């Protein structure tokens, strides 16, 4: 795998704008030849947000409300590698098809 580190201000993981920018970069990187899949804090937050809404796929989006965003990322521990302690570094983890990167 390969990681892209996104650095931002502290508590940036609660910002819709920052999380959207990370999500868009993840989408672009996933669509590059040789990238099998990717995971990041925004992708997990979208899954959690849908889960809080009975798993409805139409809720698999990043919440625009800051409190809802906090709720979506609250259960993601720093040990997951998807964020640091103050939410200023959030990697995009890319899984490559050749597994040699």
C-alpha atoms as a PDB file:
ATOM      1  CA  UNK A   1       0.000   0.000   0.000  1.00  0.00           C
ATOM      2  CA  UNK A   2       0.919   3.661  -0.272  1.00  0.00           C
ATOM      3  CA  UNK A   3      -0.213   6.592   1.871  1.00  0.00           C
ATOM      4  CA  UNK A   4      -0.839  10.206   0.968  1.00  0.00           C
ATOM      5  CA  UNK A   5      -0.635  12.380   4.072  1.00  0.00           C
ATOM      6  CA  UNK A   6      -3.006  15.326   4.183  1.00  0.00           C
ATOM      7  CA  UNK A   7      -1.961  18.016   6.656  1.00  0.00           C
ATOM      8  CA  UNK A   8      -4.380  20.655   7.893  1.00  0.00           C
ATOM      9  CA  UNK A   9      -5.086  22.754  10.948  1.00  0.00           C
ATOM     10  CA  UNK A  10      -5.994  21.065  14.249  1.00  0.00           C
ATOM     11  CA  UNK A  11      -9.556  19.693  14.362  1.00  0.00           C
ATOM     12  CA  UNK A  12      -9.753  19.865  10.546  1.00  0.00           C
ATOM     13  CA  UNK A  13     -11.524  16.512  10.518  1.00  0.00           C
ATOM     14  CA  UNK A  14     -14.677  18.267  11.705  1.00  0.00           C
ATOM     15  CA  UNK A  15     -14.650  20.634   8.726  1.00  0.00           C
ATOM     16  CA  UNK A  16     -16.922  19.703   5.833  1.00  0.00           C
ATOM     17  CA  UNK A  17     -14.696  21.605   3.388  1.00  0.00           C
ATOM     18  CA  UNK A  18     -11.498  19.808   4.438  1.00  0.00           C
ATOM     19  CA  UNK A  19     -13.145  16.377   4.524  1.00  0.00           C
ATOM     20  CA  UNK A  20     -14.690  16.981   1.083  1.00  0.00           C
ATOM     21  CA  UNK A  21     -11.314  17.952  -0.371  1.00  0.00           C
ATOM     22  CA  UNK A  22      -9.774  14.743   1.024  1.00  0.00           C
ATOM     23  CA  UNK A  23     -12.699  12.706  -0.304  1.00  0.00           C
ATOM     24  CA  UNK A  24     -12.326  14.221  -3.785  1.00  0.00           C
ATOM     25  CA  UNK A  25      -8.581  13.506  -3.809  1.00  0.00           C
ATOM     26  CA  UNK A  26      -9.304   9.927  -2.746  1.00  0.00           C
ATOM     27  CA  UNK A  27     -11.782   9.556  -5.605  1.00  0.00           C
ATOM     28  CA  UNK A  28      -9.250  10.890  -8.114  1.00  0.00           C
ATOM     29  CA  UNK A  29      -6.517   8.589  -6.812  1.00  0.00           C
ATOM     30  CA  UNK A  30      -8.847   5.549  -6.857  1.00  0.00           C
ATOM     31  CA  UNK A  31      -9.469   6.179 -10.560  1.00  0.00           C
ATOM     32  CA  UNK A  32      -5.785   6.014 -11.469  1.00  0.00           C
ATOM     33  CA  UNK A  33      -4.674   2.852 -13.223  1.00  0.00           C
ATOM     34  CA  UNK A  34      -2.952   0.504 -10.793  1.00  0.00           C
ATOM     35  CA  UNK A  35      -4.896   1.598  -7.712  1.00  0.00           C
ATOM     36  CA  UNK A  36      -7.184  -1.180  -6.517  1.00  0.00           C
ATOM     37  CA  UNK A  37      -8.943   0.651  -3.686  1.00  0.00           C
ATOM     38  CA  UNK A  38      -8.480   3.380  -1.097  1.00  0.00           C
ATOM     39  CA  UNK A  39      -9.615   4.240   2.401  1.00  0.00           C
ATOM     40  CA  UNK A  40      -9.559   7.500   4.344  1.00  0.00           C
ATOM     41  CA  UNK A  41     -11.321   9.164   7.242  1.00  0.00           C
ATOM     42  CA  UNK A  42     -13.962  10.720   4.944  1.00  0.00           C
ATOM     43  CA  UNK A  43     -14.786   7.330   3.391  1.00  0.00           C
ATOM     44  CA  UNK A  44     -15.265   5.832   6.862  1.00  0.00           C
ATOM     45  CA  UNK A  45     -17.303   8.861   8.000  1.00  0.00           C
ATOM     46  CA  UNK A  46     -19.663   8.366   5.036  1.00  0.00           C
ATOM     47  CA  UNK A  47     -20.218   4.721   5.982  1.00  0.00           C
ATOM     48  CA  UNK A  48     -20.841   5.632   9.616  1.00  0.00           C
ATOM     49  CA  UNK A  49     -23.255   8.406   8.618  1.00  0.00           C
ATOM     50  CA  UNK A  50     -25.262   5.917   6.556  1.00  0.00           C
ATOM     51  CA  UNK A  51     -25.169   3.473   9.461  1.00  0.00           C
ATOM     52  CA  UNK A  52     -26.675   6.061  11.799  1.00  0.00           C
ATOM     53  CA  UNK A  53     -29.510   6.428   9.275  1.00  0.00           C
ATOM     54  CA  UNK A  54     -30.594   2.783   9.093  1.00  0.00           C
ATOM     55  CA  UNK A  55     -27.949   1.984   6.487  1.00  0.00           C
ATOM     56  CA  UNK A  56     -29.792   3.935   3.817  1.00  0.00           C
ATOM     57  CA  UNK A  57     -27.385   4.469   0.874  1.00  0.00           C
ATOM     58  CA  UNK A  58     -28.679   7.989   0.238  1.00  0.00           C
ATOM     59  CA  UNK A  59     -27.088   8.989   3.574  1.00  0.00           C
ATOM     60  CA  UNK A  60     -23.650   7.704   2.510  1.00  0.00           C
ATOM     61  CA  UNK A  61     -22.396  11.276   2.276  1.00  0.00           C
ATOM     62  CA  UNK A  62     -20.279  13.598   4.378  1.00  0.00           C
ATOM     63  CA  UNK A  63     -22.446  15.502   6.849  1.00  0.00           C
ATOM     64  CA  UNK A  64     -22.442  19.265   6.334  1.00  0.00           C
ATOM     65  CA  UNK A  65     -23.351  19.875   9.976  1.00  0.00           C
ATOM     66  CA  UNK A  66     -20.256  19.968  12.208  1.00  0.00           C
ATOM     67  CA  UNK A  67     -21.907  18.144  15.125  1.00  0.00           C
ATOM     68  CA  UNK A  68     -23.035  15.364  12.800  1.00  0.00           C
ATOM     69  CA  UNK A  69     -19.513  15.155  11.367  1.00  0.00           C
ATOM     70  CA  UNK A  70     -18.133  14.810  14.893  1.00  0.00           C
ATOM     71  CA  UNK A  71     -20.626  12.007  15.546  1.00  0.00           C
ATOM     72  CA  UNK A  72     -19.556  10.243  12.331  1.00  0.00           C
ATOM     73  CA  UNK A  73     -15.846  10.258  13.231  1.00  0.00           C
ATOM     74  CA  UNK A  74     -16.095   9.911  17.012  1.00  0.00           C
ATOM     75  CA  UNK A  75     -15.695   6.127  17.005  1.00  0.00           C
ATOM     76  CA  UNK A  76     -12.624   6.125  14.712  1.00  0.00           C
ATOM     77  CA  UNK A  77      -9.596   5.638  16.989  1.00  0.00           C
ATOM     78  CA  UNK A  78      -6.196   7.150  16.251  1.00  0.00           C
ATOM     79  CA  UNK A  79      -4.838   3.594  16.253  1.00  0.00           C
ATOM     80  CA  UNK A  80      -6.725   3.051  12.968  1.00  0.00           C
ATOM     81  CA  UNK A  81      -4.097   5.191  11.261  1.00  0.00           C
ATOM     82  CA  UNK A  82      -6.778   7.384   9.676  1.00  0.00           C
ATOM     83  CA  UNK A  83      -6.122  10.442  11.863  1.00  0.00           C
ATOM     84  CA  UNK A  84      -3.735  11.724  14.485  1.00  0.00           C
ATOM     85  CA  UNK A  85      -4.582  12.945  17.990  1.00  0.00           C
ATOM     86  CA  UNK A  86      -5.627  16.470  17.063  1.00  0.00           C
ATOM     87  CA  UNK A  87      -7.076  15.677  13.616  1.00  0.00           C
ATOM     88  CA  UNK A  88      -4.446  17.669  11.752  1.00  0.00           C
ATOM     89  CA  UNK A  89      -3.065  14.751   9.722  1.00  0.00           C
ATOM     90  CA  UNK A  90      -5.349  12.378   7.822  1.00  0.00           C
ATOM     91  CA  UNK A  91      -3.870   9.906   5.351  1.00  0.00           C
ATOM     92  CA  UNK A  92      -5.430   8.463   2.253  1.00  0.00           C
ATOM     93  CA  UNK A  93      -4.328   4.833   2.130  1.00  0.00           C
ATOM     94  CA  UNK A  94      -4.068   3.465  -1.396  1.00  0.00           C
ATOM     95  CA  UNK A  95      -4.042  -0.271  -2.063  1.00  0.00           C
ATOM     96  CA  UNK A  96      -2.207  -1.020  -5.266  1.00  0.00           C
ATOM     97  CA  UNK A  97      -2.918  -3.800  -7.744  1.00  0.00           C
ATOM     98  CA  UNK A  98       0.724  -4.852  -7.935  1.00  0.00           C
ATOM     99  CA  UNK A  99       1.338  -4.612  -4.149  1.00  0.00           C
ATOM    100  CA  UNK A 100       4.891  -3.370  -4.811  1.00  0.00           C
ATOM    101  CA  UNK A 101       4.461   0.364  -4.227  1.00  0.00           C
END
